């Protein structure tokens, strides 16, 4: 059975590699959702949702990360540290280069922008939608979480002229101290009022392994996650996975505001399914997991879509001939006014779990079980708090990849090799 901290025996290097995967997984949440908006709502409809998606979640999780990693402040360094640990800027895939001039002035460049690589083949109109219409308000929203006077402004940005221009873009950050602090916009307050946003993780005991237990020291422009202690990396894993939950929640809220709750649930399931499959495949490769039920159990126990513990409570059991996954009563099932991924699972959406298992072993069959029938067959006793149990078994032949997963593979992040 998986535990709340399934990292026994993991080294700092192992955990750093996993957190890098979690950061990229969080970014792929957006990549998995947007294709399902372009068809019915067009490019402009997609962009409008994307703006509220990031504006709703980013300020909330930015402040959480500042507190969790001990770098709360109101200056340029604080903004840049938050960006380094943000699913909107996963390292390497989004290769940010930061320069701090003084407390209130800095700049950053993207030597490589994986998001740009995704949209450039779609034409200049899509590039402009992302790099102008979406980035302007969402870069500011991230910076405003630190100070109301923070402004991110382009020096140059795509569409690229010439077509191979490097760096891909260049931005300045300036903090105007004359601007008074003000309330967050409605989209941010809505996500900030969720149970996810108020989830507390018990701090692990500080490590004495030579790594940083927080990020209170100077900004490291070439930050490597291996610099952090084991305890700090456990905290980072939880916070990064919560970032993903908040982003998915904000995405569904933005769709609901424009197109109704039914559309939000439908697109949310498709988004979860697509990213669940792609991320499971990446985790299986990282773990060198066997392509059988043992590997399915390993991957599901670490999958960010079923984490972090404390917000989502999922237990994975390996039996002689199956894998059992229990979703227990937890805060993610009690959100009001917003939808959560765990809530979608509990309400009957099994496709995300099927996609994740298929990415490890395409023969896997998943079904939602009747708990009493499972007990009669001698399966392990379910905890009284179990809401749903799924059973994963070997099928006779490999099944096809789900269309949502195939569509998510359009992103270059799906096969991006992290160093």
Protein backbone atom coordinates (compact mmCIF):
# COMPACT_ATOMS: atom_id res chain seq x y z
CA UNK A 1 0.00 0.00 0.00
CA UNK A 2 1.24 3.49 -0.75
CA UNK A 3 1.93 5.76 2.19
CA UNK A 4 1.39 9.50 2.52
CA UNK A 5 5.13 10.03 1.96
CA UNK A 6 6.11 7.30 -0.54
CA UNK A 7 9.75 8.36 -0.68
CA UNK A 8 11.46 5.91 1.68
CA UNK A 9 14.89 5.13 0.32
CA UNK A 10 14.84 7.95 -2.19
CA UNK A 11 18.01 10.04 -2.53
CA UNK A 12 18.08 13.78 -2.98
CA UNK A 13 18.96 13.30 -6.65
CA UNK A 14 16.00 10.94 -7.08
CA UNK A 15 13.63 13.43 -5.48
CA UNK A 16 15.01 16.34 -7.52
CA UNK A 17 14.37 14.40 -10.73
CA UNK A 18 10.83 13.61 -9.58
CA UNK A 19 10.05 17.24 -8.70
CA UNK A 20 11.29 18.31 -12.15
CA UNK A 21 8.83 15.83 -13.64
CA UNK A 22 6.06 17.19 -11.41
CA UNK A 23 6.78 20.75 -12.58
CA UNK A 24 6.54 19.70 -16.21
CA UNK A 25 3.43 17.64 -15.45
CA UNK A 26 1.77 20.75 -14.02
CA UNK A 27 2.53 22.69 -17.18
CA UNK A 28 1.08 19.90 -19.32
CA UNK A 29 -2.28 20.36 -17.56
CA UNK A 30 -2.78 23.52 -19.58
CA UNK A 31 -1.52 21.84 -22.77
CA UNK A 32 -4.01 18.99 -22.25
CA UNK A 33 -6.98 21.28 -21.79
CA UNK A 34 -6.61 23.91 -24.47
CA UNK A 35 -7.15 21.72 -27.56
CA UNK A 36 -10.65 20.87 -26.31
CA UNK A 37 -11.57 24.57 -26.31
CA UNK A 38 -10.30 25.59 -29.74
CA UNK A 39 -12.82 23.49 -31.66
CA UNK A 40 -16.04 24.63 -29.99
CA UNK A 41 -15.00 28.12 -28.88
CA UNK A 42 -12.24 29.21 -31.25
CA UNK A 43 -8.87 30.78 -30.61
CA UNK A 44 -10.30 33.76 -28.75
CA UNK A 45 -12.46 31.56 -26.54
CA UNK A 46 -9.42 29.44 -25.70
CA UNK A 47 -7.36 32.52 -24.84
CA UNK A 48 -10.06 33.94 -22.57
CA UNK A 49 -10.17 30.71 -20.55
CA UNK A 50 -6.37 30.52 -20.39
CA UNK A 51 -6.13 34.03 -18.96
CA UNK A 52 -8.57 33.31 -16.14
CA UNK A 53 -7.07 29.84 -15.60
CA UNK A 54 -3.61 31.23 -14.82
CA UNK A 55 -4.84 34.43 -13.12
CA UNK A 56 -7.02 32.35 -10.83
CA UNK A 57 -4.39 29.84 -9.73
CA UNK A 58 -0.96 31.46 -10.09
CA UNK A 59 -1.20 34.17 -7.39
CA UNK A 60 -2.63 31.61 -4.94
CA UNK A 61 0.08 29.01 -5.35
CA UNK A 62 2.83 31.64 -5.70
CA UNK A 63 2.14 32.88 -2.18
CA UNK A 64 1.91 29.32 -0.88
CA UNK A 65 5.34 28.54 -2.32
CA UNK A 66 6.85 31.70 -0.81
CA UNK A 67 5.66 30.62 2.64
CA UNK A 68 6.57 26.97 2.21
CA UNK A 69 10.12 27.69 1.05
CA UNK A 70 10.82 30.67 3.33
CA UNK A 71 11.26 33.52 0.85
CA UNK A 72 8.28 35.79 1.53
CA UNK A 73 9.10 39.33 0.40
CA UNK A 74 8.05 42.18 -1.87
CA UNK A 75 10.98 42.57 -4.27
CA UNK A 76 12.21 41.37 -7.65
CA UNK A 77 14.17 38.51 -6.13
CA UNK A 78 11.01 37.17 -4.49
CA UNK A 79 9.14 37.25 -7.80
CA UNK A 80 11.93 35.43 -9.62
CA UNK A 81 12.31 32.74 -6.94
CA UNK A 82 8.60 32.03 -7.22
CA UNK A 83 8.83 31.74 -11.00
CA UNK A 84 11.65 29.22 -10.68
CA UNK A 85 9.32 26.93 -8.69
CA UNK A 86 6.18 27.51 -10.79
CA UNK A 87 4.48 24.95 -13.05
CA UNK A 88 4.08 27.81 -15.51
CA UNK A 89 7.86 27.83 -15.95
CA UNK A 90 9.09 24.22 -15.63
CA UNK A 91 12.89 24.24 -15.79
CA UNK A 92 14.54 23.37 -19.11
CA UNK A 93 11.24 23.12 -21.01
CA UNK A 94 10.82 26.82 -20.20
CA UNK A 95 14.46 27.93 -19.93
CA UNK A 96 14.17 31.21 -18.01
CA UNK A 97 17.35 33.28 -17.43
CA UNK A 98 17.02 35.85 -14.62
CA UNK A 99 18.95 39.06 -13.90
CA UNK A 100 18.36 41.22 -10.80
CA UNK A 101 19.52 44.83 -11.13
CA UNK A 102 18.25 46.05 -7.75
CA UNK A 103 15.35 45.58 -5.35
CA UNK A 104 12.81 46.92 -7.83
CA UNK A 105 14.30 46.19 -11.26
CA UNK A 106 15.14 43.00 -13.09
CA UNK A 107 14.73 41.19 -16.37
CA UNK A 108 14.39 37.68 -17.72
CA UNK A 109 14.84 35.97 -21.05
CA UNK A 110 13.66 32.62 -22.35
CA UNK A 111 16.51 30.87 -24.06
CA UNK A 112 14.01 28.13 -24.92
CA UNK A 113 10.22 28.30 -24.66
CA UNK A 114 8.55 24.92 -25.01
CA UNK A 115 5.14 26.59 -25.11
CA UNK A 116 6.26 28.58 -28.14
CA UNK A 117 7.44 25.38 -29.81
CA UNK A 118 3.92 24.03 -29.31
CA UNK A 119 2.09 26.93 -30.93
CA UNK A 120 4.46 28.17 -33.66
CA UNK A 121 3.33 25.40 -36.06
CA UNK A 122 -0.24 26.67 -35.59
CA UNK A 123 0.57 30.08 -37.11
CA UNK A 124 1.20 33.66 -36.05
CA UNK A 125 -2.33 34.30 -34.81
CA UNK A 126 -1.95 31.57 -32.16
CA UNK A 127 1.53 32.82 -31.28
CA UNK A 128 0.18 36.33 -30.78
CA UNK A 129 -2.72 35.00 -28.69
CA UNK A 130 -0.29 33.26 -26.32
CA UNK A 131 2.66 35.66 -26.24
CA UNK A 132 0.61 38.88 -26.18
CA UNK A 133 -3.02 38.39 -25.17
CA UNK A 134 -2.40 35.67 -22.56
CA UNK A 135 1.07 36.52 -21.27
CA UNK A 136 0.43 40.22 -20.60
CA UNK A 137 -2.21 39.75 -17.89
CA UNK A 138 -0.90 36.43 -16.55
CA UNK A 139 2.75 37.48 -16.13
CA UNK A 140 1.46 40.50 -14.24
CA UNK A 141 -0.86 38.36 -12.12
CA UNK A 142 2.08 36.21 -11.00
CA UNK A 143 4.20 39.26 -10.17
CA UNK A 144 1.32 41.06 -8.44
CA UNK A 145 1.14 38.23 -5.92
CA UNK A 146 4.36 39.71 -4.52
CA UNK A 147 3.65 43.44 -4.88
CA UNK A 148 0.71 45.37 -6.37
CA UNK A 149 3.13 47.66 -8.21
CA UNK A 150 4.94 44.86 -10.07
CA UNK A 151 4.85 45.18 -13.85
CA UNK A 152 6.22 42.73 -16.43
CA UNK A 153 6.81 44.32 -19.83
CA UNK A 154 8.24 42.93 -23.08
CA UNK A 155 11.52 44.01 -24.63
CA UNK A 156 10.79 41.66 -27.51
CA UNK A 157 8.55 38.63 -27.91
CA UNK A 158 7.18 36.37 -30.64
CA UNK A 159 6.14 36.18 -33.40
CA UNK A 160 9.88 35.84 -33.99
CA UNK A 161 11.60 38.07 -36.53
CA UNK A 162 13.76 36.57 -37.89
CA UNK A 163 12.09 33.17 -37.57
CA UNK A 164 15.02 31.68 -35.63
CA UNK A 165 15.47 34.60 -33.22
CA UNK A 166 17.08 33.82 -29.84
CA UNK A 167 16.40 34.24 -27.04
CA UNK A 168 12.78 33.48 -27.74
CA UNK A 169 11.62 36.46 -25.69
CA UNK A 170 12.93 39.10 -23.27
CA UNK A 171 10.98 40.88 -20.50
CA UNK A 172 11.61 43.45 -17.79
CA UNK A 173 10.21 43.45 -14.26
CA UNK A 174 9.76 46.73 -12.39
CA UNK A 175 8.11 47.36 -9.03
CA UNK A 176 6.44 50.73 -8.58
CA UNK A 177 6.40 51.39 -4.82
CA UNK A 178 3.83 54.18 -5.20
CA UNK A 179 1.10 51.65 -6.06
CA UNK A 180 -0.85 50.66 -2.93
CA UNK A 181 -1.66 47.04 -2.16
CA UNK A 182 -5.12 46.07 -3.38
CA UNK A 183 -7.52 43.13 -3.36
CA UNK A 184 -7.05 40.22 -5.72
CA UNK A 185 -9.37 39.99 -8.74
CA UNK A 186 -12.48 37.86 -8.47
CA UNK A 187 -10.97 34.88 -10.32
CA UNK A 188 -8.08 34.76 -7.85
CA UNK A 189 -10.32 35.11 -4.81
CA UNK A 190 -12.52 32.27 -6.05
CA UNK A 191 -9.61 29.83 -6.26
CA UNK A 192 -8.07 31.29 -3.11
CA UNK A 193 -11.23 30.35 -1.23
CA UNK A 194 -10.97 26.68 -2.13
CA UNK A 195 -10.08 23.92 0.31
CA UNK A 196 -7.05 23.19 -1.85
CA UNK A 197 -5.71 26.69 -1.30
CA UNK A 198 -5.95 26.33 2.49
CA UNK A 199 -4.45 22.83 2.70
CA UNK A 200 -1.64 22.62 5.25
CA UNK A 201 1.18 20.12 4.90
CA UNK A 202 3.06 19.12 8.06
CA UNK A 203 6.62 20.35 7.61
CA UNK A 204 9.15 17.51 7.43
CA UNK A 205 11.98 17.57 9.91
CA UNK A 206 14.85 19.68 8.54
CA UNK A 207 17.56 17.60 6.91
CA UNK A 208 21.24 17.66 7.78
CA UNK A 209 22.30 16.31 4.40
CA UNK A 210 24.04 19.48 3.25
CA UNK A 211 21.20 20.77 1.09
CA UNK A 212 19.13 23.90 1.55
CA UNK A 213 16.16 23.40 3.85
CA UNK A 214 14.46 26.41 2.25
CA UNK A 215 15.13 29.12 -0.34
CA UNK A 216 15.75 32.00 2.04
CA UNK A 217 19.26 32.57 0.70
CA UNK A 218 20.25 34.56 -2.40
CA UNK A 219 18.59 33.98 -5.77
CA UNK A 220 20.44 31.32 -7.73
CA UNK A 221 19.89 32.22 -11.42
CA UNK A 222 20.93 28.68 -12.42
CA UNK A 223 18.92 26.94 -9.72
CA UNK A 224 19.21 23.15 -9.65
CA UNK A 225 16.75 21.28 -7.50
CA UNK A 226 19.58 19.07 -6.27
CA UNK A 227 20.69 22.07 -4.18
CA UNK A 228 17.75 21.51 -1.79
CA UNK A 229 17.73 19.13 1.13
CA UNK A 230 15.67 16.00 1.10
CA UNK A 231 13.14 17.63 3.45
CA UNK A 232 12.79 20.66 1.19
CA UNK A 233 12.29 18.44 -1.86
CA UNK A 234 9.47 16.56 -0.10
CA UNK A 235 7.82 19.93 0.57
CA UNK A 236 8.38 20.99 -3.04
CA UNK A 237 6.77 17.79 -4.32
CA UNK A 238 3.62 18.44 -2.30
CA UNK A 239 3.40 22.13 -3.22
CA UNK A 240 4.04 21.54 -6.93
CA UNK A 241 1.34 18.86 -7.06
CA UNK A 242 -1.05 21.23 -5.31
CA UNK A 243 -0.22 23.85 -7.94
CA UNK A 244 -1.47 21.39 -10.54
CA UNK A 245 -4.69 20.76 -8.63
CA UNK A 246 -5.30 24.51 -8.32
CA UNK A 247 -4.61 25.08 -12.02
CA UNK A 248 -7.02 22.33 -13.07
CA UNK A 249 -9.63 23.74 -10.71
CA UNK A 250 -9.13 27.23 -12.12
CA UNK A 251 -9.37 25.90 -15.67
CA UNK A 252 -12.73 24.26 -15.00
CA UNK A 253 -13.98 27.37 -13.19
CA UNK A 254 -13.07 29.54 -16.19
CA UNK A 255 -14.91 27.19 -18.55
CA UNK A 256 -17.94 27.07 -16.26
CA UNK A 257 -18.16 30.86 -16.07
CA UNK A 258 -18.43 31.07 -19.86
CA UNK A 259 -20.10 27.86 -20.98
CA UNK A 260 -21.81 26.27 -17.97
CA UNK A 261 -21.08 23.52 -15.50
CA UNK A 262 -21.71 20.66 -17.91
CA UNK A 263 -19.10 21.96 -20.33
CA UNK A 264 -16.62 22.47 -17.48
CA UNK A 265 -16.98 18.88 -16.29
CA UNK A 266 -16.76 17.47 -19.82
CA UNK A 267 -13.63 19.42 -20.69
CA UNK A 268 -12.16 18.82 -17.22
CA UNK A 269 -12.43 15.05 -17.66
CA UNK A 270 -10.83 15.27 -21.09
CA UNK A 271 -8.02 17.42 -19.72
CA UNK A 272 -7.41 15.07 -16.78
CA UNK A 273 -7.45 12.03 -19.09
CA UNK A 274 -4.92 13.51 -21.50
CA UNK A 275 -2.43 14.66 -18.92
CA UNK A 276 -2.90 11.53 -16.79
CA UNK A 277 -1.77 9.29 -19.62
CA UNK A 278 1.17 11.39 -20.78
CA UNK A 279 2.48 11.95 -17.25
CA UNK A 280 2.10 8.27 -16.34
CA UNK A 281 4.26 7.33 -19.30
CA UNK A 282 6.91 9.83 -18.28
CA UNK A 283 6.86 8.60 -14.67
CA UNK A 284 7.18 4.98 -15.80
CA UNK A 285 10.29 5.93 -17.76
CA UNK A 286 11.74 7.90 -14.83
CA UNK A 287 11.14 5.02 -12.42
CA UNK A 288 12.19 2.36 -14.95
CA UNK A 289 8.96 0.71 -13.91
CA UNK A 290 8.11 -2.76 -15.26
CA UNK A 291 5.40 -2.70 -17.89
CA UNK A 292 2.99 -4.80 -15.86
CA UNK A 293 0.73 -4.43 -12.84
CA UNK A 294 3.73 -3.89 -10.58
CA UNK A 295 4.63 -0.86 -12.69
CA UNK A 296 1.02 0.35 -12.71
CA UNK A 297 1.04 0.29 -8.90
CA UNK A 298 4.35 2.17 -8.72
CA UNK A 299 3.20 4.90 -11.09
CA UNK A 300 -0.25 5.40 -9.58
CA UNK A 301 1.29 5.73 -6.10
CA UNK A 302 3.33 8.71 -7.35
CA UNK A 303 0.99 10.20 -9.95
CA UNK A 304 0.44 13.95 -9.42
CA UNK A 305 -3.19 13.66 -10.48
CA UNK A 306 -3.80 11.63 -7.31
CA UNK A 307 -1.77 13.92 -5.05
CA UNK A 308 -0.85 15.61 -2.78
CA UNK A 309 -1.76 13.68 0.34
CA UNK A 310 -3.58 15.93 2.74
CA UNK A 311 -5.79 17.22 -0.06
CA UNK A 312 -6.35 14.00 -2.03
CA UNK A 313 -6.34 10.71 -0.12
CA UNK A 314 -5.63 7.78 -2.43
CA UNK A 315 -4.27 4.39 -1.35
CA UNK A 316 -2.75 1.87 -3.76
CA UNK A 317 -2.73 -1.85 -2.89
CA UNK A 318 -0.95 -4.58 -4.84
CA UNK A 319 -2.66 -7.96 -4.52
CA UNK A 320 -1.65 -11.29 -6.04
CA UNK A 321 -3.49 -10.66 -9.31
CA UNK A 322 -4.58 -7.02 -9.33
CA UNK A 323 -3.97 -3.46 -8.23
CA UNK A 324 -6.60 -1.84 -6.05
CA UNK A 325 -6.90 1.93 -5.82
CA UNK A 326 -9.02 3.43 -3.05
CA UNK A 327 -10.22 7.02 -3.04
CA UNK A 328 -10.94 7.96 0.57
CA UNK A 329 -12.97 10.79 1.98
CA UNK A 330 -10.75 13.89 1.73
CA UNK A 331 -10.91 17.68 1.28
CA UNK A 332 -10.82 17.37 -2.52
CA UNK A 333 -14.26 15.75 -2.39
CA UNK A 334 -15.77 18.63 -0.40
CA UNK A 335 -15.00 21.64 -2.58
CA UNK A 336 -17.91 24.07 -2.96
CA UNK A 337 -18.33 26.27 -6.01
CA UNK A 338 -15.37 24.68 -7.82
CA UNK A 339 -14.68 21.23 -9.25
CA UNK A 340 -11.70 19.07 -8.38
CA UNK A 341 -10.16 16.16 -10.24
CA UNK A 342 -10.89 13.83 -7.32
CA UNK A 343 -14.49 15.00 -7.45
CA UNK A 344 -14.68 14.05 -11.13
CA UNK A 345 -13.35 10.59 -10.30
CA UNK A 346 -15.83 10.10 -7.48
CA UNK A 347 -18.71 11.22 -9.70
CA UNK A 348 -18.04 8.46 -12.23
CA UNK A 349 -15.14 9.49 -14.47
CA UNK A 350 -12.81 6.49 -14.78
CA UNK A 351 -11.03 7.48 -18.00
CA UNK A 352 -8.11 9.33 -16.32
CA UNK A 353 -7.19 6.20 -14.37
CA UNK A 354 -7.55 4.04 -17.47
CA UNK A 355 -5.28 6.41 -19.40
CA UNK A 356 -2.63 6.35 -16.68
CA UNK A 357 -2.63 2.56 -16.46
CA UNK A 358 -2.57 2.14 -20.25
CA UNK A 359 0.57 4.29 -20.47
CA UNK A 360 2.38 1.79 -18.24
CA UNK A 361 0.86 -1.44 -19.58
CA UNK A 362 -1.66 -1.22 -22.47
CA UNK A 363 -3.14 -4.58 -21.45
CA UNK A 364 -4.46 -3.18 -18.16
CA UNK A 365 -8.21 -3.19 -17.62
CA UNK A 366 -9.75 -0.94 -14.96
CA UNK A 367 -13.21 -1.17 -13.47
CA UNK A 368 -15.06 0.55 -10.66
CA UNK A 369 -15.86 -2.10 -8.07
CA UNK A 370 -18.65 -3.05 -5.76
CA UNK A 371 -16.95 -3.07 -2.35
CA UNK A 372 -19.08 -5.85 -0.89
CA UNK A 373 -18.47 -8.07 -3.92
CA UNK A 374 -14.72 -7.43 -3.65
CA UNK A 375 -14.70 -8.49 0.00
CA UNK A 376 -16.52 -11.71 -0.85
CA UNK A 377 -13.70 -12.48 -3.27
CA UNK A 378 -11.15 -12.06 -0.47
CA UNK A 379 -9.83 -8.62 -1.42
CA UNK A 380 -8.26 -6.49 1.37
CA UNK A 381 -10.75 -4.82 3.68
CA UNK A 382 -11.54 -1.29 2.56
CA UNK A 383 -11.12 1.53 5.03
CA UNK A 384 -14.43 2.89 6.34
CA UNK A 385 -13.61 6.18 4.64
CA UNK A 386 -13.30 4.64 1.14
CA UNK A 387 -15.61 6.38 -1.31
CA UNK A 388 -14.65 4.49 -4.47
CA UNK A 389 -12.43 1.49 -5.19
CA UNK A 390 -11.05 0.61 -8.62
CA UNK A 391 -9.55 -2.71 -9.64
CA UNK A 392 -6.79 -2.94 -12.26
CA UNK A 393 -6.21 -6.35 -13.86
CA UNK A 394 -4.41 -7.85 -16.84
CA UNK A 395 -6.38 -7.91 -20.06
CA UNK A 396 -6.05 -10.38 -22.91
CA UNK A 397 -4.66 -7.90 -25.41
CA UNK A 398 -3.37 -4.32 -25.50
CA UNK A 399 -6.04 -1.65 -25.79
CA UNK A 400 -5.81 1.51 -27.91
CA UNK A 401 -4.49 4.79 -26.50
CA UNK A 402 -7.30 7.16 -25.60
CA UNK A 403 -7.80 10.07 -27.98
CA UNK A 404 -7.31 12.62 -25.20
CA UNK A 405 -3.81 11.27 -24.54
CA UNK A 406 -2.92 11.29 -28.22
CA UNK A 407 -4.07 14.89 -28.47
CA UNK A 408 -1.99 15.92 -25.45
CA UNK A 409 1.08 14.47 -27.17
CA UNK A 410 0.83 17.41 -29.55
CA UNK A 411 2.78 19.31 -26.90
CA UNK A 412 6.53 19.01 -27.24
CA UNK A 413 6.53 18.64 -23.46
CA UNK A 414 5.15 15.12 -23.78
CA UNK A 415 8.49 13.77 -25.01
CA UNK A 416 10.78 16.49 -23.70
CA UNK A 417 13.94 15.01 -22.18
CA UNK A 418 14.86 16.56 -18.83
CA UNK A 419 18.53 16.61 -17.96
